Amino acid sequence: MSVVLRMKLFGTKKKPFYRICAMTKSKKRDGKALEELGHYDPKKGKDSIALDRERVEYWLKNGATPSPTVKDILKRLEI
């Protein structure tokens, strides 16, 4: 069971809103997550990113791999 940190899509057409989650690799994009770690609203810019740093670090230490987009978000927040 490999765990991936990736985003689930919420919101409506032309108003996206994402939740950053820890999920198994085999789950669908909007499937059930192991844990929700934060959210991201691209319409509001950089200030709209909220993450639970302790839980993100926990998942990364235990072998979770971030998706490319989540990796960029983590770089922005310097995690």
Protein backbone atom coordinates (compact mmCIF):
# COMPACT_ATOMS: atom_id res chain seq x y z
CA MET A 1 0.00 0.00 0.00
CA SER A 2 1.82 3.09 -1.22
CA VAL A 3 0.58 6.44 0.03
CA VAL A 4 0.52 9.57 -2.11
CA LEU A 5 -0.09 13.17 -1.05
CA ARG A 6 -2.37 14.61 -3.71
CA MET A 7 -5.31 16.93 -4.25
CA LYS A 8 -9.05 16.23 -4.36
CA LEU A 9 -11.13 18.56 -6.53
CA PHE A 10 -14.07 20.41 -5.00
CA GLY A 11 -15.88 23.56 -6.07
CA THR A 12 -17.74 24.29 -9.27
CA LYS A 13 -16.93 25.01 -12.89
CA LYS A 14 -14.47 27.93 -13.12
CA LYS A 15 -14.25 28.07 -9.29
CA PRO A 16 -11.93 25.23 -8.30
CA PHE A 17 -11.11 24.41 -4.71
CA TYR A 18 -8.79 21.59 -3.67
CA ARG A 19 -8.20 19.58 -0.52
CA ILE A 20 -4.73 18.16 -0.01
CA CYS A 21 -5.03 14.57 1.18
CA ALA A 22 -3.06 11.45 1.96
CA MET A 23 -4.49 8.66 -0.21
CA THR A 24 -3.50 5.22 -1.38
CA LYS A 25 -2.21 5.19 -4.91
CA SER A 26 -5.05 3.00 -6.19
CA LYS A 27 -7.88 5.38 -5.15
CA LYS A 28 -9.65 7.65 -7.63
CA ARG A 29 -8.94 11.39 -7.66
CA ASP A 30 -11.99 12.26 -5.56
CA GLY A 31 -12.11 8.96 -3.66
CA LYS A 32 -11.94 8.37 0.06
CA ALA A 33 -8.80 9.77 1.66
CA LEU A 34 -6.82 8.33 4.55
CA GLU A 35 -6.47 11.83 5.99
CA GLU A 36 -7.18 15.38 4.85
CA LEU A 37 -4.16 17.59 5.47
CA GLY A 38 -5.29 21.01 4.27
CA HIS A 39 -6.80 22.99 1.43
CA TYR A 40 -5.80 25.18 -1.53
CA ASP A 41 -7.83 27.80 -3.39
CA PRO A 42 -5.97 28.80 -6.60
CA LYS A 43 -8.30 31.76 -7.26
CA LYS A 44 -7.13 33.53 -4.09
CA GLY A 45 -3.40 33.05 -4.66
CA LYS A 46 -0.56 32.05 -2.33
CA ASP A 47 -2.35 33.15 0.85
CA SER A 48 -5.07 30.58 0.32
CA ILE A 49 -2.92 27.54 1.20
CA ALA A 50 -3.51 25.97 4.61
CA LEU A 51 -1.75 22.79 5.72
CA ASP A 52 -1.27 20.87 8.95
CA ARG A 53 2.55 20.85 8.86
CA GLU A 54 2.97 18.19 11.55
CA ARG A 55 0.78 15.69 9.71
CA VAL A 56 2.42 16.44 6.34
CA GLU A 57 5.85 15.82 7.86
CA TYR A 58 4.55 12.62 9.49
CA TRP A 59 3.33 11.24 6.15
CA LEU A 60 6.55 12.24 4.35
CA LYS A 61 8.69 10.56 7.04
CA ASN A 62 6.64 7.38 6.71
CA GLY A 63 7.22 7.06 2.97
CA ALA A 64 4.40 9.02 1.33
CA THR A 65 5.32 10.59 -2.00
CA PRO A 66 3.81 13.95 -2.99
CA SER A 67 2.33 14.46 -6.44
CA PRO A 68 4.16 17.04 -8.61
CA THR A 69 1.60 19.75 -7.83
CA VAL A 70 1.66 19.08 -4.09
CA LYS A 71 5.47 19.04 -4.24
CA ASP A 72 5.38 22.58 -5.69
CA ILE A 73 3.00 23.72 -2.95
CA LEU A 74 5.27 22.25 -0.27
CA LYS A 75 8.23 24.11 -1.80
CA ARG A 76 6.28 27.37 -1.66
CA LEU A 77 5.57 26.81 2.03
CA GLU A 78 9.15 25.63 2.64
CA ILE A 79 8.23 22.23 4.09
